[in-house]
Amino acid sequence: MELTKRNHGADWDVEGATSQSILFKMGSEYYGLSISLVREIIKPLPVTRFPKSPPYVEGVVDLRGRILPIINLRSMFGLEPVPETDDTRFVDLQLEDLNVGIIVDAVSEVMSIPQSLIEVAPPIIAGVEGKYLQGIARLNDKLIMLLDVDEIFGQWKKK
């Protein structure tokens, strides 16, 4: 798997480069996305469900007059469902021609991740299909799974 494909501004392919990433948790695992994709982080809003949507599509929310579809990455990745807590957040993402929100258990921090700490992801990791990962970063005492938004959300993007 080529680490640098379609990285939406995350310069993970440049020697000595760093990527500003937002880190969030699902369960005890840390995940990362390029901060350039994040429009805002909000507390959960009431979700309007839509019949016959895939199980990982929670529905839509009205975010200050803007309709935002909400995707449950936990469900999409086949992780056990958990109840919402005070730490649960919706992360509003702006991807080229797609605006989508994801539900995360908690937002951890924003940090620069040096390219030298990122390795290509093995094909299968903790039940998450490797195709959803661009790589894995080792930072301090944690492994951070860097998500490939093109793989995750590609089915909804305009071709």
C-alpha atoms as a PDB file:
ATOM      1  CA  MET A   1       0.000   0.000   0.000  1.00  0.00           C
ATOM      2  CA  GLU A   2       1.396   3.363  -0.948  1.00  0.00           C
ATOM      3  CA  LEU A   3       1.375   5.626   2.075  1.00  0.00           C
ATOM      4  CA  THR A   4       1.245   8.854   0.097  1.00  0.00           C
ATOM      5  CA  LYS A   5      -1.809   8.262  -2.059  1.00  0.00           C
ATOM      6  CA  ARG A   6      -4.556  10.877  -1.916  1.00  0.00           C
ATOM      7  CA  ASN A   7      -3.504  12.352   1.382  1.00  0.00           C
ATOM      8  CA  HIS A   8      -5.555  15.572   1.342  1.00  0.00           C
ATOM      9  CA  GLY A   9      -2.813  17.911   2.468  1.00  0.00           C
ATOM     10  CA  ALA A  10      -1.106  15.537   4.892  1.00  0.00           C
ATOM     11  CA  ASP A  11       2.484  15.720   3.651  1.00  0.00           C
ATOM     12  CA  TRP A  12       3.376  12.263   4.901  1.00  0.00           C
ATOM     13  CA  ASP A  13       5.440  11.574   1.789  1.00  0.00           C
ATOM     14  CA  VAL A  14       7.985  14.378   2.243  1.00  0.00           C
ATOM     15  CA  GLU A  15      11.214  13.550   4.084  1.00  0.00           C
ATOM     16  CA  GLY A  16      11.325  15.344   7.442  1.00  0.00           C
ATOM     17  CA  ALA A  17       7.783  16.627   7.004  1.00  0.00           C
ATOM     18  CA  THR A  18       5.172  16.659   9.705  1.00  0.00           C
ATOM     19  CA  SER A  19       1.415  16.495   9.496  1.00  0.00           C
ATOM     20  CA  GLN A  20      -0.914  18.487  11.729  1.00  0.00           C
ATOM     21  CA  SER A  21      -3.438  15.895  12.834  1.00  0.00           C
ATOM     22  CA  ILE A  22      -6.429  15.777  15.110  1.00  0.00           C
ATOM     23  CA  LEU A  23      -6.337  12.740  17.381  1.00  0.00           C
ATOM     24  CA  PHE A  24      -9.491  11.096  18.648  1.00  0.00           C
ATOM     25  CA  LYS A  25     -10.432   7.940  20.489  1.00  0.00           C
ATOM     26  CA  MET A  26     -12.736   5.077  19.721  1.00  0.00           C
ATOM     27  CA  GLY A  27     -12.547   2.673  22.622  1.00  0.00           C
ATOM     28  CA  SER A  28      -8.968   2.568  23.843  1.00  0.00           C
ATOM     29  CA  GLU A  29      -7.530   3.147  20.355  1.00  0.00           C
ATOM     30  CA  TYR A  30      -6.282   6.446  18.958  1.00  0.00           C
ATOM     31  CA  TYR A  31      -7.045   7.567  15.412  1.00  0.00           C
ATOM     32  CA  GLY A  32      -5.809  10.549  13.443  1.00  0.00           C
ATOM     33  CA  LEU A  33      -7.058  12.751  10.611  1.00  0.00           C
ATOM     34  CA  SER A  34      -5.412  15.706   8.921  1.00  0.00           C
ATOM     35  CA  ILE A  35      -6.519  18.853  10.737  1.00  0.00           C
ATOM     36  CA  SER A  36      -7.022  20.506   7.331  1.00  0.00           C
ATOM     37  CA  LEU A  37     -10.133  18.332   6.885  1.00  0.00           C
ATOM     38  CA  VAL A  38     -11.767  19.406  10.162  1.00  0.00           C
ATOM     39  CA  ARG A  39     -14.275  22.218   9.962  1.00  0.00           C
ATOM     40  CA  GLU A  40     -15.305  22.055  13.622  1.00  0.00           C
ATOM     41  CA  ILE A  41     -15.810  19.788  16.612  1.00  0.00           C
ATOM     42  CA  ILE A  42     -19.191  19.921  18.322  1.00  0.00           C
ATOM     43  CA  LYS A  43     -21.145  18.246  21.076  1.00  0.00           C
ATOM     44  CA  PRO A  44     -23.685  15.753  19.717  1.00  0.00           C
ATOM     45  CA  LEU A  45     -26.920  17.160  18.339  1.00  0.00           C
ATOM     46  CA  PRO A  46     -30.255  15.393  17.839  1.00  0.00           C
ATOM     47  CA  VAL A  47     -29.964  13.099  14.805  1.00  0.00           C
ATOM     48  CA  THR A  48     -32.815  12.646  12.339  1.00  0.00           C
ATOM     49  CA  ARG A  49     -32.707   9.072  11.108  1.00  0.00           C
ATOM     50  CA  PHE A  50     -33.392   8.148   7.520  1.00  0.00           C
ATOM     51  CA  PRO A  51     -35.033   4.806   6.650  1.00  0.00           C
ATOM     52  CA  LYS A  52     -33.062   2.154   4.772  1.00  0.00           C
ATOM     53  CA  SER A  53     -29.699   3.855   5.315  1.00  0.00           C
ATOM     54  CA  PRO A  54     -26.691   1.614   5.951  1.00  0.00           C
ATOM     55  CA  PRO A  55     -26.383   0.776   9.676  1.00  0.00           C
ATOM     56  CA  TYR A  56     -23.340   3.044  10.085  1.00  0.00           C
ATOM     57  CA  VAL A  57     -25.214   6.101   8.737  1.00  0.00           C
ATOM     58  CA  GLU A  58     -26.800   7.571  11.852  1.00  0.00           C
ATOM     59  CA  GLY A  59     -28.818  10.165   9.922  1.00  0.00           C
ATOM     60  CA  VAL A  60     -28.531  13.930   9.554  1.00  0.00           C
ATOM     61  CA  VAL A  61     -28.303  16.923  11.879  1.00  0.00           C
ATOM     62  CA  ASP A  62     -29.187  20.562  11.375  1.00  0.00           C
ATOM     63  CA  LEU A  63     -25.940  22.395  12.094  1.00  0.00           C
ATOM     64  CA  ARG A  64     -26.860  26.093  12.102  1.00  0.00           C
ATOM     65  CA  GLY A  65     -28.981  25.765   8.970  1.00  0.00           C
ATOM     66  CA  ARG A  66     -26.667  23.307   7.222  1.00  0.00           C
ATOM     67  CA  ILE A  67     -27.677  19.650   6.825  1.00  0.00           C
ATOM     68  CA  LEU A  68     -24.799  17.398   7.918  1.00  0.00           C
ATOM     69  CA  PRO A  69     -24.881  13.604   7.429  1.00  0.00           C
ATOM     70  CA  ILE A  70     -23.517  11.742  10.466  1.00  0.00           C
ATOM     71  CA  ILE A  71     -21.471   8.550  10.081  1.00  0.00           C
ATOM     72  CA  ASN A  72     -20.742   6.225  12.985  1.00  0.00           C
ATOM     73  CA  LEU A  73     -17.154   5.079  12.326  1.00  0.00           C
ATOM     74  CA  ARG A  74     -17.424   2.600  15.196  1.00  0.00           C
ATOM     75  CA  SER A  75     -20.233   0.814  13.391  1.00  0.00           C
ATOM     76  CA  MET A  76     -18.549   1.134   9.994  1.00  0.00           C
ATOM     77  CA  PHE A  77     -15.369  -0.442  11.376  1.00  0.00           C
ATOM     78  CA  GLY A  78     -17.284  -3.255  13.094  1.00  0.00           C
ATOM     79  CA  LEU A  79     -16.426  -2.098  16.627  1.00  0.00           C
ATOM     80  CA  GLU A  80     -18.763  -2.709  19.552  1.00  0.00           C
ATOM     81  CA  PRO A  81     -21.329   0.072  20.067  1.00  0.00           C
ATOM     82  CA  VAL A  82     -20.973   2.210  23.182  1.00  0.00           C
ATOM     83  CA  PRO A  83     -23.382   4.657  24.763  1.00  0.00           C
ATOM     84  CA  GLU A  84     -22.838   8.364  24.255  1.00  0.00           C
ATOM     85  CA  THR A  85     -20.872  10.073  27.057  1.00  0.00           C
ATOM     86  CA  ASP A  86     -19.975  13.661  27.969  1.00  0.00           C
ATOM     87  CA  ASP A  87     -16.802  13.181  25.894  1.00  0.00           C
ATOM     88  CA  THR A  88     -18.600  12.059  22.701  1.00  0.00           C
ATOM     89  CA  ARG A  89     -18.166  14.526  19.845  1.00  0.00           C
ATOM     90  CA  PHE A  90     -19.260  15.046  16.253  1.00  0.00           C
ATOM     91  CA  VAL A  91     -16.358  16.020  13.998  1.00  0.00           C
ATOM     92  CA  ASP A  92     -17.517  18.053  10.994  1.00  0.00           C
ATOM     93  CA  LEU A  93     -15.274  17.194   8.032  1.00  0.00           C
ATOM     94  CA  GLN A  94     -14.964  19.058   4.742  1.00  0.00           C
ATOM     95  CA  LEU A  95     -13.663  16.784   1.982  1.00  0.00           C
ATOM     96  CA  GLU A  96     -13.376  18.239  -1.519  1.00  0.00           C
ATOM     97  CA  ASP A  97     -17.055  17.922  -2.582  1.00  0.00           C
ATOM     98  CA  LEU A  98     -18.396  16.144   0.486  1.00  0.00           C
ATOM     99  CA  ASN A  99     -19.328  17.492   3.905  1.00  0.00           C
ATOM    100  CA  VAL A 100     -19.837  14.790   6.530  1.00  0.00           C
ATOM    101  CA  GLY A 101     -19.777  14.404  10.292  1.00  0.00           C
ATOM    102  CA  ILE A 102     -18.298  11.488  12.204  1.00  0.00           C
ATOM    103  CA  ILE A 103     -19.058  10.372  15.742  1.00  0.00           C
ATOM    104  CA  VAL A 104     -16.017   9.820  17.952  1.00  0.00           C
ATOM    105  CA  ASP A 105     -15.791   8.719  21.581  1.00  0.00           C
ATOM    106  CA  ALA A 106     -13.533  11.648  22.511  1.00  0.00           C
ATOM    107  CA  VAL A 107     -11.262  14.184  20.846  1.00  0.00           C
ATOM    108  CA  SER A 108      -7.792  13.962  22.327  1.00  0.00           C
ATOM    109  CA  GLU A 109      -5.558  16.686  20.879  1.00  0.00           C
ATOM    110  CA  VAL A 110      -4.057  18.294  17.796  1.00  0.00           C
ATOM    111  CA  MET A 111      -0.429  17.461  17.167  1.00  0.00           C
ATOM    112  CA  SER A 112       2.294  17.421  14.543  1.00  0.00           C
ATOM    113  CA  ILE A 113       3.245  13.899  13.529  1.00  0.00           C
ATOM    114  CA  PRO A 114       6.710  13.550  11.968  1.00  0.00           C
ATOM    115  CA  GLN A 115       6.822  11.431   8.792  1.00  0.00           C
ATOM    116  CA  SER A 116       9.645   9.406  10.334  1.00  0.00           C
ATOM    117  CA  LEU A 117       7.216   8.032  12.940  1.00  0.00           C
ATOM    118  CA  ILE A 118       4.652   6.791  10.391  1.00  0.00           C
ATOM    119  CA  GLU A 119       4.701   3.245   9.043  1.00  0.00           C
ATOM    120  CA  VAL A 120       2.541   1.610   6.382  1.00  0.00           C
ATOM    121  CA  ALA A 121      -0.417  -0.170   7.975  1.00  0.00           C
ATOM    122  CA  PRO A 122      -0.594  -3.968   7.846  1.00  0.00           C
ATOM    123  CA  PRO A 123      -3.672  -5.257   5.947  1.00  0.00           C
ATOM    124  CA  ILE A 124      -5.747  -6.144   9.019  1.00  0.00           C
ATOM    125  CA  ILE A 125      -5.518  -4.328  12.354  1.00  0.00           C
ATOM    126  CA  ALA A 126      -7.755  -4.916  15.358  1.00  0.00           C
ATOM    127  CA  GLY A 127     -10.753  -5.716  13.178  1.00  0.00           C
ATOM    128  CA  VAL A 128     -10.426  -2.550  11.100  1.00  0.00           C
ATOM    129  CA  GLU A 129      -9.832  -3.260   7.435  1.00  0.00           C
ATOM    130  CA  GLY A 130      -6.396  -2.004   6.461  1.00  0.00           C
ATOM    131  CA  LYS A 131      -7.840  -0.233   3.423  1.00  0.00           C
ATOM    132  CA  TYR A 132      -9.210   2.457   5.739  1.00  0.00           C
ATOM    133  CA  LEU A 133      -5.728   3.290   7.049  1.00  0.00           C
ATOM    134  CA  GLN A 134      -2.987   5.394   5.494  1.00  0.00           C
ATOM    135  CA  GLY A 135      -0.487   4.383   8.141  1.00  0.00           C
ATOM    136  CA  ILE A 136       0.265   3.976  11.814  1.00  0.00           C
ATOM    137  CA  ALA A 137       2.228   6.483  13.852  1.00  0.00           C
ATOM    138  CA  ARG A 138       4.146   5.644  17.013  1.00  0.00           C
ATOM    139  CA  LEU A 139       4.004   8.570  19.419  1.00  0.00           C
ATOM    140  CA  ASN A 140       5.211   8.290  22.976  1.00  0.00           C
ATOM    141  CA  ASP A 141       3.320   5.333  24.417  1.00  0.00           C
ATOM    142  CA  LYS A 142       0.531   5.167  21.820  1.00  0.00           C
ATOM    143  CA  LEU A 143      -0.069   3.852  18.355  1.00  0.00           C
ATOM    144  CA  ILE A 144      -2.188   6.180  16.226  1.00  0.00           C
ATOM    145  CA  MET A 145      -4.091   4.809  13.251  1.00  0.00           C
ATOM    146  CA  LEU A 146      -4.096   7.441  10.506  1.00  0.00           C
ATOM    147  CA  LEU A 147      -7.319   7.196   8.554  1.00  0.00           C
ATOM    148  CA  ASP A 148      -7.597   7.280   4.761  1.00  0.00           C
ATOM    149  CA  VAL A 149     -10.628   9.490   4.187  1.00  0.00           C
ATOM    150  CA  ASP A 150     -10.733   8.723   0.462  1.00  0.00           C
ATOM    151  CA  GLU A 151     -11.247   5.017   1.214  1.00  0.00           C
ATOM    152  CA  ILE A 152     -13.722   5.647   4.027  1.00  0.00           C
ATOM    153  CA  PHE A 153     -15.881   8.247   2.269  1.00  0.00           C
ATOM    154  CA  GLY A 154     -15.079   7.551  -1.413  1.00  0.00           C
ATOM    155  CA  GLN A 155     -18.429   5.866  -2.035  1.00  0.00           C
ATOM    156  CA  TRP A 156     -20.228   9.188  -1.437  1.00  0.00           C
ATOM    157  CA  LYS A 157     -17.896  11.507  -3.296  1.00  0.00           C
ATOM    158  CA  LYS A 158     -18.841  12.797  -6.728  1.00  0.00           C
ATOM    159  CA  LYS A 159     -16.897  11.037  -9.455  1.00  0.00           C
END
